[in-house]
Amino acid sequence: MAALGHPARVEIIRHLARAESCCCREVVENFDLAQSTVSQHLKVLVEAGLVTFTPDRQRSRYRVDRDALAGLSASMAALVATCCSGR
């Protein structure tokens, strides 16, 4: 959840979800953020298991791990249902 606590990371997830995969440069071109900042956000998302990367020559290709995101969504839905069912 902490990985999605930053609005830029949420937007990066949305951007990656629209593409098959992207390199860091392609993400940078779509945001008003420095390359180093985008790299750090991608690192956090990879460490959280929400994004995967595959080395591709000199670049890495990033993509959303849709199964992990779906699992997180299901967990959050269950939490909300449990916490809010009495209302």
PDB file of N, CA and C in Angstrom:
ATOM      1  N   MET A   1       0.817  -1.194   0.000  1.00  0.00           N
ATOM      2  CA  MET A   1       0.000   0.000   0.000  1.00  0.00           C
ATOM      3  C   MET A   1       0.866   1.265   0.000  1.00  0.00           C
ATOM      4  N   ALA A   2       1.982   1.210   0.697  1.00  0.00           N
ATOM      5  CA  ALA A   2       2.835   2.393   0.754  1.00  0.00           C
ATOM      6  C   ALA A   2       3.329   2.781  -0.636  1.00  0.00           C
ATOM      7  N   ALA A   3       3.537   1.796  -1.492  1.00  0.00           N
ATOM      8  CA  ALA A   3       4.012   2.080  -2.847  1.00  0.00           C
ATOM      9  C   ALA A   3       3.005   2.914  -3.626  1.00  0.00           C
ATOM     10  N   LEU A   4       1.733   2.781  -3.299  1.00  0.00           N
ATOM     11  CA  LEU A   4       0.704   3.546  -3.993  1.00  0.00           C
ATOM     12  C   LEU A   4       0.337   4.821  -3.245  1.00  0.00           C
ATOM     13  N   GLY A   5       1.090   5.138  -2.215  1.00  0.00           N
ATOM     14  CA  GLY A   5       0.824   6.321  -1.413  1.00  0.00           C
ATOM     15  C   GLY A   5       1.278   7.621  -2.065  1.00  0.00           C
ATOM     16  N   HIS A   6       2.016   7.537  -3.133  1.00  0.00           N
ATOM     17  CA  HIS A   6       2.493   8.737  -3.824  1.00  0.00           C
ATOM     18  C   HIS A   6       1.714   8.894  -5.128  1.00  0.00           C
ATOM     19  N   PRO A   7       1.143  10.062  -5.375  1.00  0.00           N
ATOM     20  CA  PRO A   7       0.324  10.243  -6.581  1.00  0.00           C
ATOM     21  C   PRO A   7       1.079   9.981  -7.885  1.00  0.00           C
ATOM     22  N   ALA A   8       2.368  10.267  -7.927  1.00  0.00           N
ATOM     23  CA  ALA A   8       3.133  10.020  -9.159  1.00  0.00           C
ATOM     24  C   ALA A   8       3.209   8.523  -9.446  1.00  0.00           C
ATOM     25  N   ARG A   9       3.333   7.711  -8.399  1.00  0.00           N
ATOM     26  CA  ARG A   9       3.393   6.267  -8.615  1.00  0.00           C
ATOM     27  C   ARG A   9       2.058   5.724  -9.104  1.00  0.00           C
ATOM     28  N   VAL A  10       0.972   6.269  -8.614  1.00  0.00           N
ATOM     29  CA  VAL A  10      -0.349   5.859  -9.102  1.00  0.00           C
ATOM     30  C   VAL A  10      -0.462   6.200 -10.591  1.00  0.00           C
ATOM     31  N   GLU A  11      -0.011   7.374 -10.979  1.00  0.00           N
ATOM     32  CA  GLU A  11      -0.070   7.774 -12.387  1.00  0.00           C
ATOM     33  C   GLU A  11       0.861   6.915 -13.244  1.00  0.00           C
ATOM     34  N   ILE A  12       2.009   6.550 -12.705  1.00  0.00           N
ATOM     35  CA  ILE A  12       2.924   5.673 -13.442  1.00  0.00           C
ATOM     36  C   ILE A  12       2.273   4.309 -13.657  1.00  0.00           C
ATOM     37  N   ILE A  13       1.608   3.783 -12.628  1.00  0.00           N
ATOM     38  CA  ILE A  13       0.882   2.507 -12.771  1.00  0.00           C
ATOM     39  C   ILE A  13      -0.162   2.639 -13.883  1.00  0.00           C
ATOM     40  N   ARG A  14      -0.911   3.724 -13.879  1.00  0.00           N
ATOM     41  CA  ARG A  14      -1.928   3.938 -14.925  1.00  0.00           C
ATOM     42  C   ARG A  14      -1.294   3.987 -16.310  1.00  0.00           C
ATOM     43  N   HIS A  15      -0.179   4.677 -16.411  1.00  0.00           N
ATOM     44  CA  HIS A  15       0.514   4.779 -17.696  1.00  0.00           C
ATOM     45  C   HIS A  15       0.978   3.400 -18.158  1.00  0.00           C
ATOM     46  N   LEU A  16       1.596   2.647 -17.266  1.00  0.00           N
ATOM     47  CA  LEU A  16       2.082   1.317 -17.628  1.00  0.00           C
ATOM     48  C   LEU A  16       0.941   0.379 -17.987  1.00  0.00           C
ATOM     49  N   ALA A  17      -0.204   0.546 -17.351  1.00  0.00           N
ATOM     50  CA  ALA A  17      -1.353  -0.321 -17.618  1.00  0.00           C
ATOM     51  C   ALA A  17      -1.887  -0.123 -19.034  1.00  0.00           C
ATOM     52  N   ARG A  18      -1.661   1.052 -19.605  1.00  0.00           N
ATOM     53  CA  ARG A  18      -2.136   1.327 -20.960  1.00  0.00           C
ATOM     54  C   ARG A  18      -1.196   0.779 -22.036  1.00  0.00           C
ATOM     55  N   ALA A  19      -0.005   0.388 -21.640  1.00  0.00           N
ATOM     56  CA  ALA A  19       0.991  -0.088 -22.601  1.00  0.00           C
ATOM     57  C   ALA A  19       1.349  -1.542 -22.298  1.00  0.00           C
ATOM     58  N   GLU A  20       1.851  -2.217 -23.279  1.00  0.00           N
ATOM     59  CA  GLU A  20       2.337  -3.587 -23.054  1.00  0.00           C
ATOM     60  C   GLU A  20       3.526  -3.545 -22.096  1.00  0.00           C
ATOM     61  N   SER A  21       4.464  -2.660 -22.396  1.00  0.00           N
ATOM     62  CA  SER A  21       5.612  -2.427 -21.517  1.00  0.00           C
ATOM     63  C   SER A  21       6.255  -1.112 -21.935  1.00  0.00           C
ATOM     64  N   CYS A  22       7.033  -0.527 -21.028  1.00  0.00           N
ATOM     65  CA  CYS A  22       7.696   0.754 -21.293  1.00  0.00           C
ATOM     66  C   CYS A  22       9.086   0.735 -20.683  1.00  0.00           C
ATOM     67  N   CYS A  23       9.987   1.474 -21.282  1.00  0.00           N
ATOM     68  CA  CYS A  23      11.269   1.714 -20.629  1.00  0.00           C
ATOM     69  C   CYS A  23      11.130   3.000 -19.810  1.00  0.00           C
ATOM     70  N   CYS A  24      12.078   3.244 -18.957  1.00  0.00           N
ATOM     71  CA  CYS A  24      12.032   4.417 -18.086  1.00  0.00           C
ATOM     72  C   CYS A  24      11.918   5.704 -18.910  1.00  0.00           C
ATOM     73  N   ARG A  25      12.660   5.791 -19.995  1.00  0.00           N
ATOM     74  CA  ARG A  25      12.630   6.989 -20.843  1.00  0.00           C
ATOM     75  C   ARG A  25      11.223   7.263 -21.350  1.00  0.00           C
ATOM     76  N   GLU A  26      10.506   6.221 -21.737  1.00  0.00           N
ATOM     77  CA  GLU A  26       9.141   6.394 -22.234  1.00  0.00           C
ATOM     78  C   GLU A  26       8.208   6.912 -21.138  1.00  0.00           C
ATOM     79  N   VAL A  27       8.447   6.489 -19.916  1.00  0.00           N
ATOM     80  CA  VAL A  27       7.651   6.989 -18.795  1.00  0.00           C
ATOM     81  C   VAL A  27       8.004   8.456 -18.545  1.00  0.00           C
ATOM     82  N   VAL A  28       9.288   8.772 -18.558  1.00  0.00           N
ATOM     83  CA  VAL A  28       9.751  10.147 -18.326  1.00  0.00           C
ATOM     84  C   VAL A  28       9.112  11.106 -19.339  1.00  0.00           C
ATOM     85  N   GLU A  29       8.992  10.674 -20.581  1.00  0.00           N
ATOM     86  CA  GLU A  29       8.431  11.535 -21.631  1.00  0.00           C
ATOM     87  C   GLU A  29       6.971  11.910 -21.367  1.00  0.00           C
ATOM     88  N   ASN A  30       6.294  11.158 -20.517  1.00  0.00           N
ATOM     89  CA  ASN A  30       4.876  11.405 -20.252  1.00  0.00           C
ATOM     90  C   ASN A  30       4.614  12.127 -18.939  1.00  0.00           C
ATOM     91  N   PHE A  31       5.664  12.430 -18.195  1.00  0.00           N
ATOM     92  CA  PHE A  31       5.494  13.077 -16.901  1.00  0.00           C
ATOM     93  C   PHE A  31       6.474  14.229 -16.769  1.00  0.00           C
ATOM     94  N   ASP A  32       6.122  15.177 -15.958  1.00  0.00           N
ATOM     95  CA  ASP A  32       6.988  16.318 -15.705  1.00  0.00           C
ATOM     96  C   ASP A  32       7.875  16.005 -14.502  1.00  0.00           C
ATOM     97  N   LEU A  33       8.644  14.914 -14.642  1.00  0.00           N
ATOM     98  CA  LEU A  33       9.528  14.458 -13.569  1.00  0.00           C
ATOM     99  C   LEU A  33      10.901  14.151 -14.148  1.00  0.00           C
ATOM    100  N   ALA A  34      11.921  14.321 -13.342  1.00  0.00           N
ATOM    101  CA  ALA A  34      13.280  13.985 -13.762  1.00  0.00           C
ATOM    102  C   ALA A  34      13.422  12.474 -13.938  1.00  0.00           C
ATOM    103  N   GLN A  35      14.346  12.078 -14.794  1.00  0.00           N
ATOM    104  CA  GLN A  35      14.583  10.656 -15.031  1.00  0.00           C
ATOM    105  C   GLN A  35      14.930   9.939 -13.744  1.00  0.00           C
ATOM    106  N   SER A  36      15.733  10.556 -12.890  1.00  0.00           N
ATOM    107  CA  SER A  36      16.119   9.916 -11.631  1.00  0.00           C
ATOM    108  C   SER A  36      14.913   9.718 -10.713  1.00  0.00           C
ATOM    109  N   THR A  37      13.976  10.650 -10.746  1.00  0.00           N
ATOM    110  CA  THR A  37      12.763  10.538  -9.933  1.00  0.00           C
ATOM    111  C   THR A  37      11.887   9.404 -10.439  1.00  0.00           C
ATOM    112  N   VAL A  38      11.712   9.324 -11.754  1.00  0.00           N
ATOM    113  CA  VAL A  38      10.920   8.234 -12.333  1.00  0.00           C
ATOM    114  C   VAL A  38      11.583   6.889 -12.018  1.00  0.00           C
ATOM    115  N   SER A  39      12.890   6.826 -12.140  1.00  0.00           N
ATOM    116  CA  SER A  39      13.612   5.580 -11.823  1.00  0.00           C
ATOM    117  C   SER A  39      13.368   5.153 -10.383  1.00  0.00           C
ATOM    118  N   GLN A  40      13.396   6.106  -9.474  1.00  0.00           N
ATOM    119  CA  GLN A  40      13.156   5.793  -8.062  1.00  0.00           C
ATOM    120  C   GLN A  40      11.725   5.299  -7.849  1.00  0.00           C
ATOM    121  N   HIS A  41      10.756   5.954  -8.471  1.00  0.00           N
ATOM    122  CA  HIS A  41       9.366   5.513  -8.351  1.00  0.00           C
ATOM    123  C   HIS A  41       9.190   4.103  -8.922  1.00  0.00           C
ATOM    124  N   LEU A  42       9.818   3.832 -10.071  1.00  0.00           N
ATOM    125  CA  LEU A  42       9.729   2.492 -10.658  1.00  0.00           C
ATOM    126  C   LEU A  42      10.363   1.453  -9.732  1.00  0.00           C
ATOM    127  N   LYS A  43      11.465   1.814  -9.111  1.00  0.00           N
ATOM    128  CA  LYS A  43      12.130   0.898  -8.177  1.00  0.00           C
ATOM    129  C   LYS A  43      11.192   0.549  -7.020  1.00  0.00           C
ATOM    130  N   VAL A  44      10.518   1.535  -6.469  1.00  0.00           N
ATOM    131  CA  VAL A  44       9.584   1.298  -5.367  1.00  0.00           C
ATOM    132  C   VAL A  44       8.458   0.374  -5.824  1.00  0.00           C
ATOM    133  N   LEU A  45       7.928   0.612  -7.015  1.00  0.00           N
ATOM    134  CA  LEU A  45       6.833  -0.206  -7.525  1.00  0.00           C
ATOM    135  C   LEU A  45       7.282  -1.645  -7.794  1.00  0.00           C
ATOM    136  N   VAL A  46       8.521  -1.799  -8.276  1.00  0.00           N
ATOM    137  CA  VAL A  46       9.068  -3.147  -8.496  1.00  0.00           C
ATOM    138  C   VAL A  46       9.258  -3.856  -7.159  1.00  0.00           C
ATOM    139  N   GLU A  47       9.845  -3.162  -6.182  1.00  0.00           N
ATOM    140  CA  GLU A  47      10.069  -3.768  -4.861  1.00  0.00           C
ATOM    141  C   GLU A  47       8.758  -4.146  -4.181  1.00  0.00           C
ATOM    142  N   ALA A  48       7.691  -3.415  -4.467  1.00  0.00           N
ATOM    143  CA  ALA A  48       6.384  -3.721  -3.891  1.00  0.00           C
ATOM    144  C   ALA A  48       5.698  -4.876  -4.623  1.00  0.00           C
ATOM    145  N   GLY A  49       6.252  -5.274  -5.757  1.00  0.00           N
ATOM    146  CA  GLY A  49       5.686  -6.381  -6.510  1.00  0.00           C
ATOM    147  C   GLY A  49       4.540  -5.975  -7.426  1.00  0.00           C
ATOM    148  N   LEU A  50       4.331  -4.693  -7.623  1.00  0.00           N
ATOM    149  CA  LEU A  50       3.237  -4.226  -8.473  1.00  0.00           C
ATOM    150  C   LEU A  50       3.655  -4.035  -9.926  1.00  0.00           C
ATOM    151  N   VAL A  51       4.960  -3.937 -10.147  1.00  0.00           N
ATOM    152  CA  VAL A  51       5.516  -3.758 -11.489  1.00  0.00           C
ATOM    153  C   VAL A  51       6.660  -4.754 -11.639  1.00  0.00           C
ATOM    154  N   THR A  52       6.782  -5.321 -12.832  1.00  0.00           N
ATOM    155  CA  THR A  52       7.905  -6.208 -13.124  1.00  0.00           C
ATOM    156  C   THR A  52       8.802  -5.528 -14.145  1.00  0.00           C
ATOM    157  N   PHE A  53      10.036  -5.975 -14.217  1.00  0.00           N
ATOM    158  CA  PHE A  53      10.903  -5.441 -15.260  1.00  0.00           C
ATOM    159  C   PHE A  53      11.684  -6.583 -15.894  1.00  0.00           C
ATOM    160  N   THR A  54      11.995  -6.384 -17.165  1.00  0.00           N
ATOM    161  CA  THR A  54      12.761  -7.350 -17.929  1.00  0.00           C
ATOM    162  C   THR A  54      13.906  -6.600 -18.591  1.00  0.00           C
ATOM    163  N   PRO A  55      15.132  -7.056 -18.376  1.00  0.00           N
ATOM    164  CA  PRO A  55      16.258  -6.408 -19.069  1.00  0.00           C
ATOM    165  C   PRO A  55      16.099  -6.541 -20.584  1.00  0.00           C
ATOM    166  N   ASP A  56      16.383  -5.453 -21.305  1.00  0.00           N
ATOM    167  CA  ASP A  56      16.272  -5.425 -22.759  1.00  0.00           C
ATOM    168  C   ASP A  56      17.455  -4.623 -23.280  1.00  0.00           C
ATOM    169  N   ARG A  57      18.539  -5.299 -23.556  1.00  0.00           N
ATOM    170  CA  ARG A  57      19.799  -4.668 -23.954  1.00  0.00           C
ATOM    171  C   ARG A  57      20.246  -3.644 -22.921  1.00  0.00           C
ATOM    172  N   GLN A  58      20.261  -2.365 -23.271  1.00  0.00           N
ATOM    173  CA  GLN A  58      20.729  -1.338 -22.340  1.00  0.00           C
ATOM    174  C   GLN A  58      19.616  -0.784 -21.472  1.00  0.00           C
ATOM    175  N   ARG A  59      18.380  -1.200 -21.716  1.00  0.00           N
ATOM    176  CA  ARG A  59      17.246  -0.673 -20.961  1.00  0.00           C
ATOM    177  C   ARG A  59      16.506  -1.814 -20.295  1.00  0.00           C
ATOM    178  N   SER A  60      15.708  -1.455 -19.339  1.00  0.00           N
ATOM    179  CA  SER A  60      14.781  -2.409 -18.743  1.00  0.00           C
ATOM    180  C   SER A  60      13.379  -2.046 -19.205  1.00  0.00           C
ATOM    181  N   ARG A  61      12.568  -3.052 -19.441  1.00  0.00           N
ATOM    182  CA  ARG A  61      11.169  -2.849 -19.819  1.00  0.00           C
ATOM    183  C   ARG A  61      10.323  -3.097 -18.589  1.00  0.00           C
ATOM    184  N   TYR A  62       9.444  -2.165 -18.281  1.00  0.00           N
ATOM    185  CA  TYR A  62       8.580  -2.248 -17.107  1.00  0.00           C
ATOM    186  C   TYR A  62       7.155  -2.525 -17.533  1.00  0.00           C
ATOM    187  N   ARG A  63       6.454  -3.318 -16.727  1.00  0.00           N
ATOM    188  CA  ARG A  63       5.035  -3.571 -16.984  1.00  0.00           C
ATOM    189  C   ARG A  63       4.322  -3.814 -15.668  1.00  0.00           C
ATOM    190  N   VAL A  64       3.054  -3.519 -15.660  1.00  0.00           N
ATOM    191  CA  VAL A  64       2.230  -3.744 -14.466  1.00  0.00           C
ATOM    192  C   VAL A  64       2.076  -5.244 -14.266  1.00  0.00           C
ATOM    193  N   ASP A  65       2.222  -5.697 -13.033  1.00  0.00           N
ATOM    194  CA  ASP A  65       1.904  -7.082 -12.688  1.00  0.00           C
ATOM    195  C   ASP A  65       0.411  -7.095 -12.369  1.00  0.00           C
ATOM    196  N   ARG A  66      -0.375  -7.416 -13.370  1.00  0.00           N
ATOM    197  CA  ARG A  66      -1.833  -7.332 -13.244  1.00  0.00           C
ATOM    198  C   ARG A  66      -2.378  -8.285 -12.189  1.00  0.00           C
ATOM    199  N   ASP A  67      -1.754  -9.446 -12.032  1.00  0.00           N
ATOM    200  CA  ASP A  67      -2.197 -10.385 -10.999  1.00  0.00           C
ATOM    201  C   ASP A  67      -1.962  -9.818  -9.600  1.00  0.00           C
ATOM    202  N   ALA A  68      -0.805  -9.195  -9.400  1.00  0.00           N
ATOM    203  CA  ALA A  68      -0.513  -8.596  -8.099  1.00  0.00           C
ATOM    204  C   ALA A  68      -1.460  -7.445  -7.804  1.00  0.00           C
ATOM    205  N   LEU A  69      -1.729  -6.634  -8.808  1.00  0.00           N
ATOM    206  CA  LEU A  69      -2.644  -5.503  -8.630  1.00  0.00           C
ATOM    207  C   LEU A  69      -4.063  -5.994  -8.348  1.00  0.00           C
ATOM    208  N   ALA A  70      -4.477  -7.053  -9.025  1.00  0.00           N
ATOM    209  CA  ALA A  70      -5.801  -7.627  -8.778  1.00  0.00           C
ATOM    210  C   ALA A  70      -5.885  -8.197  -7.363  1.00  0.00           C
ATOM    211  N   GLY A  71      -4.808  -8.836  -6.904  1.00  0.00           N
ATOM    212  CA  GLY A  71      -4.778  -9.356  -5.541  1.00  0.00           C
ATOM    213  C   GLY A  71      -4.871  -8.252  -4.510  1.00  0.00           C
ATOM    214  N   LEU A  72      -4.178  -7.160  -4.748  1.00  0.00           N
ATOM    215  CA  LEU A  72      -4.248  -6.010  -3.849  1.00  0.00           C
ATOM    216  C   LEU A  72      -5.663  -5.431  -3.841  1.00  0.00           C
ATOM    217  N   SER A  73      -6.260  -5.344  -5.003  1.00  0.00           N
ATOM    218  CA  SER A  73      -7.620  -4.830  -5.103  1.00  0.00           C
ATOM    219  C   SER A  73      -8.596  -5.717  -4.329  1.00  0.00           C
ATOM    220  N   ALA A  74      -8.451  -7.025  -4.469  1.00  0.00           N
ATOM    221  CA  ALA A  74      -9.330  -7.958  -3.755  1.00  0.00           C
ATOM    222  C   ALA A  74      -9.134  -7.841  -2.246  1.00  0.00           C
ATOM    223  N   SER A  75      -7.899  -7.692  -1.822  1.00  0.00           N
ATOM    224  CA  SER A  75      -7.615  -7.540  -0.390  1.00  0.00           C
ATOM    225  C   SER A  75      -8.233  -6.263   0.166  1.00  0.00           C
ATOM    226  N   MET A  76      -8.124  -5.186  -0.593  1.00  0.00           N
ATOM    227  CA  MET A  76      -8.707  -3.919  -0.153  1.00  0.00           C
ATOM    228  C   MET A  76     -10.232  -4.003  -0.122  1.00  0.00           C
ATOM    229  N   ALA A  77     -10.820  -4.657  -1.109  1.00  0.00           N
ATOM    230  CA  ALA A  77     -12.277  -4.805  -1.136  1.00  0.00           C
ATOM    231  C   ALA A  77     -12.747  -5.612   0.072  1.00  0.00           C
ATOM    232  N   ALA A  78     -12.006  -6.668   0.417  1.00  0.00           N
ATOM    233  CA  ALA A  78     -12.365  -7.482   1.586  1.00  0.00           C
ATOM    234  C   ALA A  78     -12.227  -6.668   2.867  1.00  0.00           C
ATOM    235  N   LEU A  79     -11.179  -5.859   2.959  1.00  0.00           N
ATOM    236  CA  LEU A  79     -10.980  -5.020   4.137  1.00  0.00           C
ATOM    237  C   LEU A  79     -12.125  -4.019   4.281  1.00  0.00           C
ATOM    238  N   VAL A  80     -12.501  -3.375   3.202  1.00  0.00           N
ATOM    239  CA  VAL A  80     -13.590  -2.404   3.241  1.00  0.00           C
ATOM    240  C   VAL A  80     -14.891  -3.098   3.621  1.00  0.00           C
ATOM    241  N   ALA A  81     -15.141  -4.260   3.052  1.00  0.00           N
ATOM    242  CA  ALA A  81     -16.373  -4.992   3.364  1.00  0.00           C
ATOM    243  C   ALA A  81     -16.413  -5.374   4.837  1.00  0.00           C
ATOM    244  N   THR A  82     -15.287  -5.779   5.382  1.00  0.00           N
ATOM    245  CA  THR A  82     -15.230  -6.165   6.790  1.00  0.00           C
ATOM    246  C   THR A  82     -15.384  -4.970   7.709  1.00  0.00           C
ATOM    247  N   CYS A  83     -14.715  -3.910   7.396  1.00  0.00           N
ATOM    248  CA  CYS A  83     -14.713  -2.727   8.264  1.00  0.00           C
ATOM    249  C   CYS A  83     -16.005  -1.911   8.157  1.00  0.00           C
ATOM    250  N   CYS A  84     -16.625  -1.954   7.009  1.00  0.00           N
ATOM    251  CA  CYS A  84     -17.759  -1.060   6.768  1.00  0.00           C
ATOM    252  C   CYS A  84     -19.104  -1.793   6.656  1.00  0.00           C
ATOM    253  N   SER A  85     -19.109  -3.067   6.950  1.00  0.00           N
ATOM    254  CA  SER A  85     -20.338  -3.843   6.751  1.00  0.00           C
ATOM    255  C   SER A  85     -21.446  -3.463   7.736  1.00  0.00           C
ATOM    256  N   GLY A  86     -21.077  -2.871   8.876  1.00  0.00           N
ATOM    257  CA  GLY A  86     -22.073  -2.497   9.880  1.00  0.00           C
ATOM    258  C   GLY A  86     -22.734  -1.162   9.633  1.00  0.00           C
ATOM    259  N   ARG A  87     -22.376  -0.489   8.585  1.00  0.00           N
ATOM    260  CA  ARG A  87     -22.935   0.849   8.324  1.00  0.00           C
ATOM    261  C   ARG A  87     -24.113   0.802   7.435  1.00  0.00           C
TER     262      ARG A  87
END
